[in-house]
């Protein structure tokens, strides 16, 4: 432990840290790989809404 290097600290806080590029790449990869889940959830929600709407009209 030693004194805090404030310029380095604020550089990291500002997004220019040593692992920032890798962290952002992992987030982008996770977002891209999760697209099918989001699409499936939207399709399921639309299907459920359609069923709910049809059952409301039938009642």
PDB file of N, CA and C in Angstrom:
ATOM      1  N   UNK A   1       0.853  -1.179   0.000  1.00  0.00           N
ATOM      2  CA  UNK A   1       0.000   0.000   0.000  1.00  0.00           C
ATOM      3  C   UNK A   1       0.895   1.237   0.000  1.00  0.00           C
ATOM      4  N   UNK A   2       0.432   2.201  -0.653  1.00  0.00           N
ATOM      5  CA  UNK A   2       1.157   3.450  -0.713  1.00  0.00           C
ATOM      6  C   UNK A   2       0.200   4.573  -1.023  1.00  0.00           C
ATOM      7  N   UNK A   3       0.726   5.724  -1.326  1.00  0.00           N
ATOM      8  CA  UNK A   3      -0.153   6.847  -1.653  1.00  0.00           C
ATOM      9  C   UNK A   3      -0.900   6.575  -2.966  1.00  0.00           C
ATOM     10  N   UNK A   4      -2.075   7.116  -3.048  1.00  0.00           N
ATOM     11  CA  UNK A   4      -2.911   6.924  -4.238  1.00  0.00           C
ATOM     12  C   UNK A   4      -2.384   7.788  -5.374  1.00  0.00           C
ATOM     13  N   UNK A   5      -2.269   7.196  -6.533  1.00  0.00           N
ATOM     14  CA  UNK A   5      -1.886   7.922  -7.737  1.00  0.00           C
ATOM     15  C   UNK A   5      -3.171   8.477  -8.342  1.00  0.00           C
ATOM     16  N   UNK A   6      -3.527   9.693  -7.948  1.00  0.00           N
ATOM     17  CA  UNK A   6      -4.810  10.267  -8.340  1.00  0.00           C
ATOM     18  C   UNK A   6      -4.990  10.423  -9.842  1.00  0.00           C
ATOM     19  N   UNK A   7      -3.962  10.858 -10.587  1.00  0.00           N
ATOM     20  CA  UNK A   7      -4.167  10.935 -12.047  1.00  0.00           C
ATOM     21  C   UNK A   7      -4.508   9.565 -12.651  1.00  0.00           C
ATOM     22  N   UNK A   8      -3.828   8.509 -12.196  1.00  0.00           N
ATOM     23  CA  UNK A   8      -4.138   7.168 -12.685  1.00  0.00           C
ATOM     24  C   UNK A   8      -5.547   6.751 -12.259  1.00  0.00           C
ATOM     25  N   UNK A   9      -5.917   7.060 -11.023  1.00  0.00           N
ATOM     26  CA  UNK A   9      -7.243   6.744 -10.512  1.00  0.00           C
ATOM     27  C   UNK A   9      -8.315   7.359 -11.396  1.00  0.00           C
ATOM     28  N   UNK A  10      -8.199   8.643 -11.676  1.00  0.00           N
ATOM     29  CA  UNK A  10      -9.219   9.325 -12.471  1.00  0.00           C
ATOM     30  C   UNK A  10      -9.185   8.884 -13.932  1.00  0.00           C
ATOM     31  N   UNK A  11      -8.015   8.454 -14.399  1.00  0.00           N
ATOM     32  CA  UNK A  11      -7.918   7.916 -15.754  1.00  0.00           C
ATOM     33  C   UNK A  11      -8.733   6.623 -15.840  1.00  0.00           C
ATOM     34  N   UNK A  12      -8.608   5.765 -14.848  1.00  0.00           N
ATOM     35  CA  UNK A  12      -9.366   4.508 -14.815  1.00  0.00           C
ATOM     36  C   UNK A  12     -10.852   4.797 -14.665  1.00  0.00           C
ATOM     37  N   UNK A  13     -11.212   5.712 -13.780  1.00  0.00           N
ATOM     38  CA  UNK A  13     -12.620   6.071 -13.589  1.00  0.00           C
ATOM     39  C   UNK A  13     -13.202   6.612 -14.892  1.00  0.00           C
ATOM     40  N   UNK A  14     -12.405   7.324 -15.656  1.00  0.00           N
ATOM     41  CA  UNK A  14     -12.856   7.889 -16.921  1.00  0.00           C
ATOM     42  C   UNK A  14     -12.970   6.879 -18.049  1.00  0.00           C
ATOM     43  N   UNK A  15     -12.625   5.614 -17.789  1.00  0.00           N
ATOM     44  CA  UNK A  15     -12.790   4.588 -18.810  1.00  0.00           C
ATOM     45  C   UNK A  15     -11.537   4.230 -19.566  1.00  0.00           C
ATOM     46  N   UNK A  16     -10.394   4.680 -19.088  1.00  0.00           N
ATOM     47  CA  UNK A  16      -9.150   4.389 -19.788  1.00  0.00           C
ATOM     48  C   UNK A  16      -8.249   3.520 -18.912  1.00  0.00           C
ATOM     49  N   UNK A  17      -8.868   2.504 -18.304  1.00  0.00           N
ATOM     50  CA  UNK A  17      -8.117   1.604 -17.431  1.00  0.00           C
ATOM     51  C   UNK A  17      -7.431   0.507 -18.210  1.00  0.00           C
ATOM     52  N   UNK A  18      -6.604  -0.271 -17.524  1.00  0.00           N
ATOM     53  CA  UNK A  18      -5.831  -1.318 -18.204  1.00  0.00           C
ATOM     54  C   UNK A  18      -6.689  -2.444 -18.777  1.00  0.00           C
ATOM     55  N   UNK A  19      -7.862  -2.697 -18.229  1.00  0.00           N
ATOM     56  CA  UNK A  19      -8.707  -3.799 -18.707  1.00  0.00           C
ATOM     57  C   UNK A  19      -9.989  -3.302 -19.366  1.00  0.00           C
ATOM     58  N   UNK A  20     -10.101  -2.017 -19.613  1.00  0.00           N
ATOM     59  CA  UNK A  20     -11.342  -1.462 -20.124  1.00  0.00           C
ATOM     60  C   UNK A  20     -11.716  -2.031 -21.488  1.00  0.00           C
ATOM     61  N   UNK A  21     -10.771  -2.141 -22.393  1.00  0.00           N
ATOM     62  CA  UNK A  21     -11.080  -2.657 -23.736  1.00  0.00           C
ATOM     63  C   UNK A  21     -11.564  -4.098 -23.663  1.00  0.00           C
ATOM     64  N   UNK A  22     -10.915  -4.907 -22.815  1.00  0.00           N
ATOM     65  CA  UNK A  22     -11.327  -6.304 -22.676  1.00  0.00           C
ATOM     66  C   UNK A  22     -12.710  -6.391 -22.041  1.00  0.00           C
ATOM     67  N   UNK A  23     -12.966  -5.559 -21.038  1.00  0.00           N
ATOM     68  CA  UNK A  23     -14.262  -5.559 -20.357  1.00  0.00           C
ATOM     69  C   UNK A  23     -15.375  -5.167 -21.324  1.00  0.00           C
ATOM     70  N   UNK A  24     -15.144  -4.121 -22.094  1.00  0.00           N
ATOM     71  CA  UNK A  24     -16.155  -3.685 -23.056  1.00  0.00           C
ATOM     72  C   UNK A  24     -16.361  -4.722 -24.156  1.00  0.00           C
ATOM     73  N   UNK A  25     -15.281  -5.362 -24.597  1.00  0.00           N
ATOM     74  CA  UNK A  25     -15.407  -6.403 -25.618  1.00  0.00           C
ATOM     75  C   UNK A  25     -16.243  -7.565 -25.090  1.00  0.00           C
ATOM     76  N   UNK A  26     -16.047  -7.924 -23.829  1.00  0.00           N
ATOM     77  CA  UNK A  26     -16.831  -9.015 -23.234  1.00  0.00           C
ATOM     78  C   UNK A  26     -18.304  -8.630 -23.146  1.00  0.00           C
ATOM     79  N   UNK A  27     -18.589  -7.381 -22.806  1.00  0.00           N
ATOM     80  CA  UNK A  27     -19.986  -6.929 -22.729  1.00  0.00           C
ATOM     81  C   UNK A  27     -20.649  -6.941 -24.099  1.00  0.00           C
ATOM     82  N   UNK A  28     -19.949  -6.478 -25.111  1.00  0.00           N
ATOM     83  CA  UNK A  28     -20.491  -6.465 -26.472  1.00  0.00           C
ATOM     84  C   UNK A  28     -20.735  -7.900 -26.936  1.00  0.00           C
ATOM     85  N   UNK A  29     -19.792  -8.786 -26.651  1.00  0.00           N
ATOM     86  CA  UNK A  29     -19.938 -10.185 -27.027  1.00  0.00           C
ATOM     87  C   UNK A  29     -21.142 -10.815 -26.332  1.00  0.00           C
ATOM     88  N   UNK A  30     -21.298 -10.528 -25.050  1.00  0.00           N
ATOM     89  CA  UNK A  30     -22.439 -11.071 -24.303  1.00  0.00           C
ATOM     90  C   UNK A  30     -23.747 -10.524 -24.868  1.00  0.00           C
ATOM     91  N   UNK A  31     -23.775  -9.263 -25.213  1.00  0.00           N
ATOM     92  CA  UNK A  31     -24.988  -8.659 -25.785  1.00  0.00           C
ATOM     93  C   UNK A  31     -25.323  -9.315 -27.117  1.00  0.00           C
ATOM     94  N   UNK A  32     -24.308  -9.482 -27.961  1.00  0.00           N
ATOM     95  CA  UNK A  32     -24.531 -10.099 -29.270  1.00  0.00           C
ATOM     96  C   UNK A  32     -24.978 -11.551 -29.129  1.00  0.00           C
ATOM     97  N   UNK A  33     -24.357 -12.282 -28.223  1.00  0.00           N
ATOM     98  CA  UNK A  33     -24.707 -13.691 -28.045  1.00  0.00           C
ATOM     99  C   UNK A  33     -26.063 -13.864 -27.373  1.00  0.00           C
ATOM    100  N   UNK A  34     -26.555 -12.851 -26.704  1.00  0.00           N
ATOM    101  CA  UNK A  34     -27.843 -12.935 -26.034  1.00  0.00           C
ATOM    102  C   UNK A  34     -29.004 -12.426 -26.863  1.00  0.00           C
ATOM    103  N   UNK A  35     -28.746 -12.060 -28.098  1.00  0.00           N
ATOM    104  CA  UNK A  35     -29.805 -11.505 -28.947  1.00  0.00           C
ATOM    105  C   UNK A  35     -30.941 -12.503 -29.133  1.00  0.00           C
ATOM    106  N   UNK A  36     -30.626 -13.772 -29.284  1.00  0.00           N
ATOM    107  CA  UNK A  36     -31.679 -14.777 -29.512  1.00  0.00           C
ATOM    108  C   UNK A  36     -32.605 -14.878 -28.303  1.00  0.00           C
ATOM    109  N   UNK A  37     -32.059 -14.672 -27.105  1.00  0.00           N
ATOM    110  CA  UNK A  37     -32.892 -14.743 -25.901  1.00  0.00           C
ATOM    111  C   UNK A  37     -33.863 -13.572 -25.871  1.00  0.00           C
ATOM    112  N   UNK A  38     -33.367 -12.392 -26.183  1.00  0.00           N
ATOM    113  CA  UNK A  38     -34.237 -11.210 -26.206  1.00  0.00           C
ATOM    114  C   UNK A  38     -35.322 -11.352 -27.273  1.00  0.00           C
ATOM    115  N   UNK A  39     -34.953 -11.867 -28.439  1.00  0.00           N
ATOM    116  CA  UNK A  39     -35.932 -12.067 -29.512  1.00  0.00           C
ATOM    117  C   UNK A  39     -36.987 -13.095 -29.103  1.00  0.00           C
ATOM    118  N   UNK A  40     -36.558 -14.179 -28.466  1.00  0.00           N
ATOM    119  CA  UNK A  40     -37.505 -15.207 -28.022  1.00  0.00           C
ATOM    120  C   UNK A  40     -38.442 -14.657 -26.959  1.00  0.00           C
ATOM    121  N   UNK A  41     -37.915 -13.845 -26.045  1.00  0.00           N
ATOM    122  CA  UNK A  41     -38.751 -13.254 -24.993  1.00  0.00           C
ATOM    123  C   UNK A  41     -39.779 -12.301 -25.593  1.00  0.00           C
ATOM    124  N   UNK A  42     -39.377 -11.534 -26.585  1.00  0.00           N
ATOM    125  CA  UNK A  42     -40.316 -10.622 -27.239  1.00  0.00           C
ATOM    126  C   UNK A  42     -41.393 -11.396 -27.981  1.00  0.00           C
ATOM    127  N   UNK A  43     -41.010 -12.469 -28.659  1.00  0.00           N
ATOM    128  CA  UNK A  43     -41.985 -13.276 -29.383  1.00  0.00           C
ATOM    129  C   UNK A  43     -42.966 -13.927 -28.408  1.00  0.00           C
ATOM    130  N   UNK A  44     -42.457 -14.403 -27.293  1.00  0.00           N
ATOM    131  CA  UNK A  44     -43.317 -15.016 -26.284  1.00  0.00           C
ATOM    132  C   UNK A  44     -44.291 -13.982 -25.710  1.00  0.00           C
ATOM    133  N   UNK A  45     -43.791 -12.797 -25.404  1.00  0.00           N
ATOM    134  CA  UNK A  45     -44.655 -11.747 -24.863  1.00  0.00           C
ATOM    135  C   UNK A  45     -45.736 -11.363 -25.870  1.00  0.00           C
ATOM    136  N   UNK A  46     -45.381 -11.279 -27.136  1.00  0.00           N
ATOM    137  CA  UNK A  46     -46.363 -10.945 -28.166  1.00  0.00           C
ATOM    138  C   UNK A  46     -47.416 -12.042 -28.281  1.00  0.00           C
ATOM    139  N   UNK A  47     -46.978 -13.292 -28.198  1.00  0.00           N
ATOM    140  CA  UNK A  47     -47.906 -14.415 -28.269  1.00  0.00           C
ATOM    141  C   UNK A  47     -48.856 -14.402 -27.075  1.00  0.00           C
ATOM    142  N   UNK A  48     -48.339 -14.142 -25.893  1.00  0.00           N
ATOM    143  CA  UNK A  48     -49.166 -14.088 -24.696  1.00  0.00           C
ATOM    144  C   UNK A  48     -50.156 -12.927 -24.770  1.00  0.00           C
ATOM    145  N   UNK A  49     -49.710 -11.781 -25.269  1.00  0.00           N
ATOM    146  CA  UNK A  49     -50.596 -10.626 -25.396  1.00  0.00           C
ATOM    147  C   UNK A  49     -51.723 -10.929 -26.388  1.00  0.00           C
ATOM    148  N   UNK A  50     -51.367 -11.605 -27.474  1.00  0.00           N
ATOM    149  CA  UNK A  50     -52.383 -11.960 -28.473  1.00  0.00           C
ATOM    150  C   UNK A  50     -53.409 -12.919 -27.870  1.00  0.00           C
ATOM    151  N   UNK A  51     -52.933 -13.905 -27.115  1.00  0.00           N
ATOM    152  CA  UNK A  51     -53.858 -14.850 -26.460  1.00  0.00           C
ATOM    153  C   UNK A  51     -54.750 -14.129 -25.462  1.00  0.00           C
ATOM    154  N   UNK A  52     -54.173 -13.228 -24.692  1.00  0.00           N
ATOM    155  CA  UNK A  52     -54.947 -12.466 -23.706  1.00  0.00           C
ATOM    156  C   UNK A  52     -56.004 -11.625 -24.401  1.00  0.00           C
ATOM    157  N   UNK A  53     -55.625 -11.013 -25.507  1.00  0.00           N
ATOM    158  CA  UNK A  53     -56.557 -10.178 -26.257  1.00  0.00           C
ATOM    159  C   UNK A  53     -57.702 -11.022 -26.832  1.00  0.00           C
ATOM    160  N   UNK A  54     -57.370 -12.197 -27.332  1.00  0.00           N
ATOM    161  CA  UNK A  54     -58.385 -13.084 -27.908  1.00  0.00           C
ATOM    162  C   UNK A  54     -59.331 -13.598 -26.816  1.00  0.00           C
ATOM    163  N   UNK A  55     -58.787 -13.919 -25.654  1.00  0.00           N
ATOM    164  CA  UNK A  55     -59.645 -14.431 -24.580  1.00  0.00           C
ATOM    165  C   UNK A  55     -60.537 -13.321 -24.031  1.00  0.00           C
ATOM    166  N   UNK A  56     -60.080 -12.089 -24.086  1.00  0.00           N
ATOM    167  CA  UNK A  56     -60.900 -10.959 -23.628  1.00  0.00           C
ATOM    168  C   UNK A  56     -62.053 -10.726 -24.613  1.00  0.00           C
ATOM    169  N   UNK A  57     -61.792 -10.864 -25.903  1.00  0.00           N
ATOM    170  CA  UNK A  57     -62.831 -10.689 -26.907  1.00  0.00           C
ATOM    171  C   UNK A  57     -63.868 -11.789 -26.835  1.00  0.00           C
ATOM    172  N   UNK A  58     -63.442 -13.018 -26.504  1.00  0.00           N
ATOM    173  CA  UNK A  58     -64.358 -14.161 -26.435  1.00  0.00           C
ATOM    174  C   UNK A  58     -65.263 -14.083 -25.209  1.00  0.00           C
ATOM    175  N   UNK A  59     -64.840 -13.403 -24.193  1.00  0.00           N
ATOM    176  CA  UNK A  59     -65.618 -13.361 -22.948  1.00  0.00           C
ATOM    177  C   UNK A  59     -66.739 -12.349 -22.983  1.00  0.00           C
TER     178      UNK A  59
END
